[in-house]
PDB file of all heavy atoms in Angstrom:
ATOM      1  N   THR A   1      -1.238   8.437   0.094  1.00  0.00           N
ATOM      2  CA  THR A   1      -1.645   9.009   1.378  1.00  0.00           C
ATOM      3  C   THR A   1      -2.467   8.016   2.183  1.00  0.00           C
ATOM      4  O   THR A   1      -2.308   7.898   3.403  1.00  0.00           O
ATOM      5  CB  THR A   1      -2.442  10.305   1.155  1.00  0.00           C
ATOM      6  OG1 THR A   1      -1.588  11.281   0.556  1.00  0.00           O
ATOM      7  CG2 THR A   1      -2.976  10.863   2.459  1.00  0.00           C
ATOM      8  N   GLY A   2      -3.333   7.264   1.513  1.00  0.00           N
ATOM      9  CA  GLY A   2      -4.140   6.269   2.210  1.00  0.00           C
ATOM     10  C   GLY A   2      -3.315   5.136   2.785  1.00  0.00           C
ATOM     11  O   GLY A   2      -3.686   4.542   3.801  1.00  0.00           O
ATOM     12  N   TYR A   3      -2.173   4.852   2.164  1.00  0.00           N
ATOM     13  CA  TYR A   3      -1.298   3.777   2.653  1.00  0.00           C
ATOM     14  C   TYR A   3      -0.389   4.255   3.777  1.00  0.00           C
ATOM     15  O   TYR A   3      -0.141   3.523   4.743  1.00  0.00           O
ATOM     16  CB  TYR A   3      -0.443   3.239   1.501  1.00  0.00           C
ATOM     17  CG  TYR A   3       0.472   2.100   1.895  1.00  0.00           C
ATOM     18  CD1 TYR A   3      -0.019   0.801   2.023  1.00  0.00           C
ATOM     19  CD2 TYR A   3       1.823   2.323   2.137  1.00  0.00           C
ATOM     20  CE1 TYR A   3       0.821  -0.242   2.395  1.00  0.00           C
ATOM     21  CE2 TYR A   3       2.667   1.285   2.500  1.00  0.00           C
ATOM     22  CZ  TYR A   3       2.161   0.006   2.631  1.00  0.00           C
ATOM     23  OH  TYR A   3       2.992  -1.025   2.998  1.00  0.00           O
ATOM     24  N   THR A   4       0.117   5.488   3.673  1.00  0.00           N
ATOM     25  CA  THR A   4       1.118   5.983   4.624  1.00  0.00           C
ATOM     26  C   THR A   4       0.549   6.913   5.685  1.00  0.00           C
ATOM     27  O   THR A   4       1.242   7.240   6.655  1.00  0.00           O
ATOM     28  CB  THR A   4       2.232   6.741   3.885  1.00  0.00           C
ATOM     29  OG1 THR A   4       1.650   7.875   3.209  1.00  0.00           O
ATOM     30  CG2 THR A   4       2.917   5.846   2.873  1.00  0.00           C
ATOM     31  N   PHE A   5      -0.692   7.395   5.493  1.00  0.00           N
ATOM     32  CA  PHE A   5      -1.275   8.400   6.391  1.00  0.00           C
ATOM     33  C   PHE A   5      -0.403   9.650   6.437  1.00  0.00           C
ATOM     34  O   PHE A   5      -0.211  10.265   7.490  1.00  0.00           O
ATOM     35  CB  PHE A   5      -1.477   7.845   7.801  1.00  0.00           C
ATOM     36  CG  PHE A   5      -2.441   6.686   7.871  1.00  0.00           C
ATOM     37  CD1 PHE A   5      -2.380   5.796   8.925  1.00  0.00           C
ATOM     38  CD2 PHE A   5      -3.398   6.487   6.899  1.00  0.00           C
ATOM     39  CE1 PHE A   5      -3.266   4.721   9.011  1.00  0.00           C
ATOM     40  CE2 PHE A   5      -4.287   5.421   6.959  1.00  0.00           C
ATOM     41  CZ  PHE A   5      -4.221   4.538   8.017  1.00  0.00           C
ATOM     42  N   ALA A   6       0.124  10.030   5.283  1.00  0.00           N
ATOM     43  CA  ALA A   6       0.984  11.207   5.193  1.00  0.00           C
ATOM     44  C   ALA A   6       0.841  11.814   3.805  1.00  0.00           C
ATOM     45  O   ALA A   6       0.377  11.164   2.858  1.00  0.00           O
ATOM     46  CB  ALA A   6       2.440  10.835   5.456  1.00  0.00           C
ATOM     47  N   HIS A   7       1.255  13.071   3.684  1.00  0.00           N
ATOM     48  CA  HIS A   7       1.263  13.720   2.381  1.00  0.00           C
ATOM     49  C   HIS A   7       2.464  13.226   1.581  1.00  0.00           C
ATOM     50  O   HIS A   7       3.514  12.902   2.156  1.00  0.00           O
ATOM     51  CB  HIS A   7       1.317  15.233   2.550  1.00  0.00           C
ATOM     52  CG  HIS A   7       0.130  15.806   3.267  1.00  0.00           C
ATOM     53  ND1 HIS A   7      -1.152  15.682   2.775  1.00  0.00           N
ATOM     54  CD2 HIS A   7       0.029  16.484   4.440  1.00  0.00           C
ATOM     55  CE1 HIS A   7      -1.997  16.272   3.613  1.00  0.00           C
ATOM     56  NE2 HIS A   7      -1.313  16.752   4.625  1.00  0.00           N
ATOM     57  N   PRO A   8       2.357  13.160   0.248  1.00  0.00           N
ATOM     58  CA  PRO A   8       3.454  12.637  -0.569  1.00  0.00           C
ATOM     59  C   PRO A   8       4.771  13.370  -0.378  1.00  0.00           C
ATOM     60  O   PRO A   8       5.838  12.785  -0.585  1.00  0.00           O
ATOM     61  CB  PRO A   8       2.924  12.793  -2.002  1.00  0.00           C
ATOM     62  CG  PRO A   8       1.432  12.728  -1.853  1.00  0.00           C
ATOM     63  CD  PRO A   8       1.149  13.426  -0.561  1.00  0.00           C
ATOM     64  N   GLU A   9       4.727  14.646   0.022  1.00  0.00           N
ATOM     65  CA  GLU A   9       5.954  15.392   0.258  1.00  0.00           C
ATOM     66  C   GLU A   9       6.733  14.860   1.468  1.00  0.00           C
ATOM     67  O   GLU A   9       7.909  15.163   1.629  1.00  0.00           O
ATOM     68  CB  GLU A   9       5.635  16.875   0.490  1.00  0.00           C
ATOM     69  CG  GLU A   9       5.181  17.625  -0.751  1.00  0.00           C
ATOM     70  CD  GLU A   9       3.715  17.383  -1.094  1.00  0.00           C
ATOM     71  OE1 GLU A   9       3.009  16.707  -0.294  1.00  0.00           O
ATOM     72  OE2 GLU A   9       3.268  17.861  -2.144  1.00  0.00           O
ATOM     73  N   GLN A  10       6.084  14.074   2.301  1.00  0.00           N
ATOM     74  CA  GLN A  10       6.729  13.538   3.499  1.00  0.00           C
ATOM     75  C   GLN A  10       7.308  12.142   3.295  1.00  0.00           C
ATOM     76  O   GLN A  10       7.936  11.594   4.205  1.00  0.00           O
ATOM     77  CB  GLN A  10       5.708  13.485   4.646  1.00  0.00           C
ATOM     78  CG  GLN A  10       5.118  14.841   5.022  1.00  0.00           C
ATOM     79  CD  GLN A  10       3.933  14.697   5.958  1.00  0.00           C
ATOM     80  OE1 GLN A  10       2.841  14.297   5.562  1.00  0.00           O
ATOM     81  NE2 GLN A  10       4.150  15.002   7.227  1.00  0.00           N
ATOM     82  N   VAL A  11       7.096  11.569   2.115  1.00  0.00           N
ATOM     83  CA  VAL A  11       7.399  10.161   1.866  1.00  0.00           C
ATOM     84  C   VAL A  11       8.501  10.029   0.819  1.00  0.00           C
ATOM     85  O   VAL A  11       8.566  10.811  -0.132  1.00  0.00           O
ATOM     86  CB  VAL A  11       6.135   9.417   1.389  1.00  0.00           C
ATOM     87  CG1 VAL A  11       6.424   7.934   1.171  1.00  0.00           C
ATOM     88  CG2 VAL A  11       5.001   9.605   2.388  1.00  0.00           C
ATOM     89  N   GLY A  12       9.350   9.024   0.985  1.00  0.00           N
ATOM     90  CA  GLY A  12      10.389   8.762   0.007  1.00  0.00           C
ATOM     91  C   GLY A  12       9.855   8.124  -1.264  1.00  0.00           C
ATOM     92  O   GLY A  12       8.820   7.446  -1.257  1.00  0.00           O
ATOM     93  N   ALA A  13      10.556   8.318  -2.378  1.00  0.00           N
ATOM     94  CA  ALA A  13      10.111   7.811  -3.673  1.00  0.00           C
ATOM     95  C   ALA A  13       9.979   6.287  -3.729  1.00  0.00           C
ATOM     96  O   ALA A  13       9.042   5.772  -4.350  1.00  0.00           O
ATOM     97  CB  ALA A  13      11.051   8.296  -4.777  1.00  0.00           C
ATOM     98  N   PRO A  14      10.883   5.486  -3.107  1.00  0.00           N
ATOM     99  CA  PRO A  14      10.724   4.032  -3.191  1.00  0.00           C
ATOM    100  C   PRO A  14       9.383   3.536  -2.641  1.00  0.00           C
ATOM    101  O   PRO A  14       8.783   2.612  -3.192  1.00  0.00           O
ATOM    102  CB  PRO A  14      11.897   3.505  -2.357  1.00  0.00           C
ATOM    103  CG  PRO A  14      12.946   4.557  -2.476  1.00  0.00           C
ATOM    104  CD  PRO A  14      12.175   5.842  -2.463  1.00  0.00           C
ATOM    105  N   ILE A  15       8.901   4.146  -1.558  1.00  0.00           N
ATOM    106  CA  ILE A  15       7.602   3.740  -1.021  1.00  0.00           C
ATOM    107  C   ILE A  15       6.508   4.022  -2.040  1.00  0.00           C
ATOM    108  O   ILE A  15       5.571   3.233  -2.206  1.00  0.00           O
ATOM    109  CB  ILE A  15       7.303   4.453   0.307  1.00  0.00           C
ATOM    110  CG1 ILE A  15       8.341   4.094   1.359  1.00  0.00           C
ATOM    111  CG2 ILE A  15       5.902   4.099   0.808  1.00  0.00           C
ATOM    112  CD1 ILE A  15       8.096   4.738   2.703  1.00  0.00           C
ATOM    113  N   ALA A  16       6.612   5.148  -2.734  1.00  0.00           N
ATOM    114  CA  ALA A  16       5.614   5.489  -3.748  1.00  0.00           C
ATOM    115  C   ALA A  16       5.570   4.437  -4.845  1.00  0.00           C
ATOM    116  O   ALA A  16       4.499   4.027  -5.305  1.00  0.00           O
ATOM    117  CB  ALA A  16       5.924   6.865  -4.338  1.00  0.00           C
ATOM    118  N   MET A  17       6.740   3.969  -5.273  1.00  0.00           N
ATOM    119  CA  MET A  17       6.791   2.968  -6.337  1.00  0.00           C
ATOM    120  C   MET A  17       6.176   1.643  -5.890  1.00  0.00           C
ATOM    121  O   MET A  17       5.344   1.063  -6.597  1.00  0.00           O
ATOM    122  CB  MET A  17       8.244   2.743  -6.760  1.00  0.00           C
ATOM    123  CG  MET A  17       8.904   3.936  -7.418  1.00  0.00           C
ATOM    124  SD  MET A  17      10.610   3.575  -7.894  1.00  0.00           S
ATOM    125  CE  MET A  17      10.388   2.294  -9.121  1.00  0.00           C
ATOM    126  N   VAL A  18       6.585   1.176  -4.728  1.00  0.00           N
ATOM    127  CA  VAL A  18       6.077  -0.111  -4.241  1.00  0.00           C
ATOM    128  C   VAL A  18       4.582  -0.042  -3.991  1.00  0.00           C
ATOM    129  O   VAL A  18       3.830  -0.958  -4.337  1.00  0.00           O
ATOM    130  CB  VAL A  18       6.835  -0.530  -2.967  1.00  0.00           C
ATOM    131  CG1 VAL A  18       6.242  -1.810  -2.388  1.00  0.00           C
ATOM    132  CG2 VAL A  18       8.310  -0.734  -3.267  1.00  0.00           C
ATOM    133  N   THR A  19       4.126   1.054  -3.390  1.00  0.00           N
ATOM    134  CA  THR A  19       2.708   1.202  -3.093  1.00  0.00           C
ATOM    135  C   THR A  19       1.875   1.239  -4.368  1.00  0.00           C
ATOM    136  O   THR A  19       0.835   0.575  -4.475  1.00  0.00           O
ATOM    137  CB  THR A  19       2.474   2.484  -2.277  1.00  0.00           C
ATOM    138  OG1 THR A  19       3.237   2.433  -1.079  1.00  0.00           O
ATOM    139  CG2 THR A  19       1.006   2.638  -1.920  1.00  0.00           C
ATOM    140  N   ALA A  20       2.317   2.038  -5.347  1.00  0.00           N
ATOM    141  CA  ALA A  20       1.571   2.140  -6.601  1.00  0.00           C
ATOM    142  C   ALA A  20       1.463   0.787  -7.294  1.00  0.00           C
ATOM    143  O   ALA A  20       0.412   0.432  -7.845  1.00  0.00           O
ATOM    144  CB  ALA A  20       2.241   3.152  -7.528  1.00  0.00           C
ATOM    145  N   TRP A  21       2.529   0.006  -7.244  1.00  0.00           N
ATOM    146  CA  TRP A  21       2.517  -1.289  -7.917  1.00  0.00           C
ATOM    147  C   TRP A  21       1.616  -2.296  -7.218  1.00  0.00           C
ATOM    148  O   TRP A  21       0.767  -2.912  -7.830  1.00  0.00           O
ATOM    149  CB  TRP A  21       3.941  -1.836  -8.012  1.00  0.00           C
ATOM    150  CG  TRP A  21       4.038  -3.167  -8.707  1.00  0.00           C
ATOM    151  CD1 TRP A  21       4.348  -4.365  -8.161  1.00  0.00           C
ATOM    152  CD2 TRP A  21       3.812  -3.418 -10.101  1.00  0.00           C
ATOM    153  NE1 TRP A  21       4.343  -5.356  -9.105  1.00  0.00           N
ATOM    154  CE2 TRP A  21       4.010  -4.810 -10.315  1.00  0.00           C
ATOM    155  CE3 TRP A  21       3.464  -2.618 -11.180  1.00  0.00           C
ATOM    156  CZ2 TRP A  21       3.867  -5.396 -11.570  1.00  0.00           C
ATOM    157  CZ3 TRP A  21       3.332  -3.204 -12.428  1.00  0.00           C
ATOM    158  CH2 TRP A  21       3.528  -4.566 -12.610  1.00  0.00           C
ATOM    159  N   HIS A  22       1.779  -2.412  -5.905  1.00  0.00           N
ATOM    160  CA  HIS A  22       1.070  -3.466  -5.185  1.00  0.00           C
ATOM    161  C   HIS A  22      -0.371  -3.116  -4.835  1.00  0.00           C
ATOM    162  O   HIS A  22      -1.139  -4.002  -4.459  1.00  0.00           O
ATOM    163  CB  HIS A  22       1.830  -3.842  -3.918  1.00  0.00           C
ATOM    164  CG  HIS A  22       3.087  -4.611  -4.189  1.00  0.00           C
ATOM    165  ND1 HIS A  22       3.074  -5.931  -4.596  1.00  0.00           N
ATOM    166  CD2 HIS A  22       4.388  -4.244  -4.155  1.00  0.00           C
ATOM    167  CE1 HIS A  22       4.314  -6.341  -4.785  1.00  0.00           C
ATOM    168  NE2 HIS A  22       5.130  -5.325  -4.518  1.00  0.00           N
ATOM    169  N   THR A  23      -0.741  -1.845  -4.952  1.00  0.00           N
ATOM    170  CA  THR A  23      -2.124  -1.479  -4.648  1.00  0.00           C
ATOM    171  C   THR A  23      -2.938  -1.137  -5.884  1.00  0.00           C
ATOM    172  O   THR A  23      -4.051  -0.627  -5.773  1.00  0.00           O
ATOM    173  CB  THR A  23      -2.174  -0.283  -3.672  1.00  0.00           C
ATOM    174  OG1 THR A  23      -1.551   0.858  -4.288  1.00  0.00           O
ATOM    175  CG2 THR A  23      -1.487  -0.607  -2.370  1.00  0.00           C
ATOM    176  N   GLY A  24      -2.398  -1.425  -7.069  1.00  0.00           N
ATOM    177  CA  GLY A  24      -3.211  -1.144  -8.246  1.00  0.00           C
ATOM    178  C   GLY A  24      -2.590  -1.458  -9.588  1.00  0.00           C
ATOM    179  O   GLY A  24      -3.161  -2.190 -10.390  1.00  0.00           O
ATOM    180  N   LEU A  25      -1.380  -0.948  -9.858  1.00  0.00           N
ATOM    181  CA  LEU A  25      -0.844  -1.040 -11.206  1.00  0.00           C
ATOM    182  C   LEU A  25      -0.342  -2.419 -11.576  1.00  0.00           C
ATOM    183  O   LEU A  25      -0.097  -2.690 -12.750  1.00  0.00           O
ATOM    184  CB  LEU A  25       0.270  -0.010 -11.392  1.00  0.00           C
ATOM    185  CG  LEU A  25      -0.214   1.444 -11.492  1.00  0.00           C
ATOM    186  CD1 LEU A  25       0.945   2.376 -11.735  1.00  0.00           C
ATOM    187  CD2 LEU A  25      -1.249   1.592 -12.606  1.00  0.00           C
ATOM    188  N   SER A  26      -0.170  -3.308 -10.608  1.00  0.00           N
ATOM    189  CA  SER A  26       0.177  -4.678 -10.969  1.00  0.00           C
ATOM    190  C   SER A  26      -1.015  -5.379 -11.606  1.00  0.00           C
ATOM    191  O   SER A  26      -0.881  -6.402 -12.266  1.00  0.00           O
ATOM    192  CB  SER A  26       0.619  -5.466  -9.728  1.00  0.00           C
ATOM    193  OG  SER A  26      -0.474  -5.650  -8.846  1.00  0.00           O
ATOM    194  N   GLY A  27      -2.215  -4.806 -11.397  1.00  0.00           N
ATOM    195  CA  GLY A  27      -3.427  -5.424 -11.922  1.00  0.00           C
ATOM    196  C   GLY A  27      -3.855  -6.645 -11.147  1.00  0.00           C
ATOM    197  O   GLY A  27      -4.741  -7.373 -11.571  1.00  0.00           O
ATOM    198  N   ALA A  28      -3.238  -6.893 -10.000  1.00  0.00           N
ATOM    199  CA  ALA A  28      -3.554  -8.108  -9.231  1.00  0.00           C
ATOM    200  C   ALA A  28      -3.578  -7.803  -7.742  1.00  0.00           C
ATOM    201  O   ALA A  28      -2.762  -8.283  -6.980  1.00  0.00           O
ATOM    202  CB  ALA A  28      -2.518  -9.195  -9.528  1.00  0.00           C
ATOM    203  N   VAL A  29      -4.498  -6.933  -7.355  1.00  0.00           N
ATOM    204  CA  VAL A  29      -4.628  -6.579  -5.949  1.00  0.00           C
ATOM    205  C   VAL A  29      -5.440  -7.667  -5.246  1.00  0.00           C
ATOM    206  O   VAL A  29      -6.663  -7.747  -5.385  1.00  0.00           O
ATOM    207  CB  VAL A  29      -5.318  -5.208  -5.785  1.00  0.00           C
ATOM    208  CG1 VAL A  29      -5.403  -4.836  -4.312  1.00  0.00           C
ATOM    209  CG2 VAL A  29      -4.555  -4.144  -6.550  1.00  0.00           C
ATOM    210  N   ARG A  30      -4.747  -8.528  -4.522  1.00  0.00           N
ATOM    211  CA  ARG A  30      -5.420  -9.627  -3.841  1.00  0.00           C
ATOM    212  C   ARG A  30      -5.016  -9.618  -2.357  1.00  0.00           C
ATOM    213  O   ARG A  30      -4.210 -10.453  -1.926  1.00  0.00           O
ATOM    214  CB  ARG A  30      -5.079 -10.967  -4.478  1.00  0.00           C
ATOM    215  CG  ARG A  30      -5.546 -11.108  -5.929  1.00  0.00           C
ATOM    216  CD  ARG A  30      -5.319 -12.522  -6.435  1.00  0.00           C
ATOM    217  NE  ARG A  30      -6.123 -13.489  -5.714  1.00  0.00           N
ATOM    218  CZ  ARG A  30      -7.358 -13.811  -6.050  1.00  0.00           C
ATOM    219  NH1 ARG A  30      -7.943 -13.218  -7.074  1.00  0.00           N
ATOM    220  NH2 ARG A  30      -8.027 -14.715  -5.353  1.00  0.00           N
ATOM    221  N   PRO A  31      -5.530  -8.669  -1.589  1.00  0.00           N
ATOM    222  CA  PRO A  31      -5.192  -8.654  -0.163  1.00  0.00           C
ATOM    223  C   PRO A  31      -5.832  -9.831   0.560  1.00  0.00           C
ATOM    224  O   PRO A  31      -6.793 -10.434   0.080  1.00  0.00           O
ATOM    225  CB  PRO A  31      -5.791  -7.323   0.321  1.00  0.00           C
ATOM    226  CG  PRO A  31      -6.901  -7.040  -0.640  1.00  0.00           C
ATOM    227  CD  PRO A  31      -6.454  -7.592  -1.960  1.00  0.00           C
ATOM    228  N   SER A  32      -5.270 -10.166   1.697  1.00  0.00           N
ATOM    229  CA  SER A  32      -5.822 -11.248   2.501  1.00  0.00           C
ATOM    230  C   SER A  32      -5.820 -10.826   3.967  1.00  0.00           C
ATOM    231  O   SER A  32      -5.096  -9.908   4.364  1.00  0.00           O
ATOM    232  CB  SER A  32      -5.021 -12.540   2.315  1.00  0.00           C
ATOM    233  OG  SER A  32      -3.675 -12.341   2.696  1.00  0.00           O
ATOM    234  N   ILE A  33      -6.640 -11.509   4.758  1.00  0.00           N
ATOM    235  CA  ILE A  33      -6.789 -11.198   6.172  1.00  0.00           C
ATOM    236  C   ILE A  33      -6.789 -12.505   6.953  1.00  0.00           C
ATOM    237  O   ILE A  33      -7.479 -13.456   6.572  1.00  0.00           O
ATOM    238  CB  ILE A  33      -8.106 -10.439   6.430  1.00  0.00           C
ATOM    239  CG1 ILE A  33      -8.122  -9.115   5.664  1.00  0.00           C
ATOM    240  CG2 ILE A  33      -8.302 -10.181   7.929  1.00  0.00           C
ATOM    241  CD1 ILE A  33      -9.432  -8.358   5.780  1.00  0.00           C
ATOM    242  N   PRO A  34      -6.022 -12.600   8.034  1.00  0.00           N
ATOM    243  CA  PRO A  34      -6.074 -13.814   8.855  1.00  0.00           C
ATOM    244  C   PRO A  34      -7.468 -14.014   9.434  1.00  0.00           C
ATOM    245  O   PRO A  34      -8.169 -13.036   9.737  1.00  0.00           O
ATOM    246  CB  PRO A  34      -5.061 -13.531   9.972  1.00  0.00           C
ATOM    247  CG  PRO A  34      -4.161 -12.476   9.415  1.00  0.00           C
ATOM    248  CD  PRO A  34      -5.027 -11.634   8.531  1.00  0.00           C
ATOM    249  N   GLU A  35      -7.873 -15.252   9.573  1.00  0.00           N
ATOM    250  CA  GLU A  35      -9.147 -15.530  10.236  1.00  0.00           C
ATOM    251  C   GLU A  35      -9.112 -14.929  11.638  1.00  0.00           C
ATOM    252  O   GLU A  35      -8.208 -15.197  12.415  1.00  0.00           O
ATOM    253  CB  GLU A  35      -9.381 -17.041  10.324  1.00  0.00           C
ATOM    254  CG  GLU A  35      -9.618 -17.722   8.983  1.00  0.00           C
ATOM    255  CD  GLU A  35     -10.982 -17.389   8.397  1.00  0.00           C
ATOM    256  OE1 GLU A  35     -11.827 -16.827   9.127  1.00  0.00           O
ATOM    257  OE2 GLU A  35     -11.202 -17.690   7.204  1.00  0.00           O
ATOM    258  N   GLY A  36     -10.087 -14.084  11.934  1.00  0.00           N
ATOM    259  CA  GLY A  36     -10.096 -13.406  13.221  1.00  0.00           C
ATOM    260  C   GLY A  36      -9.339 -12.093  13.215  1.00  0.00           C
ATOM    261  O   GLY A  36      -9.198 -11.458  14.264  1.00  0.00           O
ATOM    262  N   GLY A  37      -8.843 -11.673  12.034  1.00  0.00           N
ATOM    263  CA  GLY A  37      -8.129 -10.412  11.928  1.00  0.00           C
ATOM    264  C   GLY A  37      -6.657 -10.537  12.262  1.00  0.00           C
ATOM    265  O   GLY A  37      -6.179 -11.575  12.724  1.00  0.00           O
ATOM    266  N   LEU A  38      -5.919  -9.468  12.022  1.00  0.00           N
ATOM    267  CA  LEU A  38      -4.483  -9.487  12.305  1.00  0.00           C
ATOM    268  C   LEU A  38      -4.193  -9.670  13.787  1.00  0.00           C
ATOM    269  O   LEU A  38      -3.125 -10.152  14.169  1.00  0.00           O
ATOM    270  CB  LEU A  38      -3.829  -8.196  11.810  1.00  0.00           C
ATOM    271  CG  LEU A  38      -3.481  -8.178  10.316  1.00  0.00           C
ATOM    272  CD1 LEU A  38      -3.015  -6.804   9.886  1.00  0.00           C
ATOM    273  CD2 LEU A  38      -2.401  -9.210  10.014  1.00  0.00           C
ATOM    274  N   SER A  39      -5.146  -9.313  14.644  1.00  0.00           N
ATOM    275  CA  SER A  39      -4.954  -9.543  16.076  1.00  0.00           C
ATOM    276  C   SER A  39      -4.839 -11.034  16.384  1.00  0.00           C
ATOM    277  O   SER A  39      -4.133 -11.433  17.319  1.00  0.00           O
ATOM    278  CB  SER A  39      -6.111  -8.931  16.870  1.00  0.00           C
ATOM    279  OG  SER A  39      -7.357  -9.452  16.432  1.00  0.00           O
TER     280      SER A  39
END
């Protein structure tokens, strides 16, 4: 829900898998931000 801004009933299963992996279960959550932000 925090990634999609929606309830899980509104989202397809593939998004759930990718989100779960890349935001925690891979064990390597290393987000990055451009200098000055995405803007």
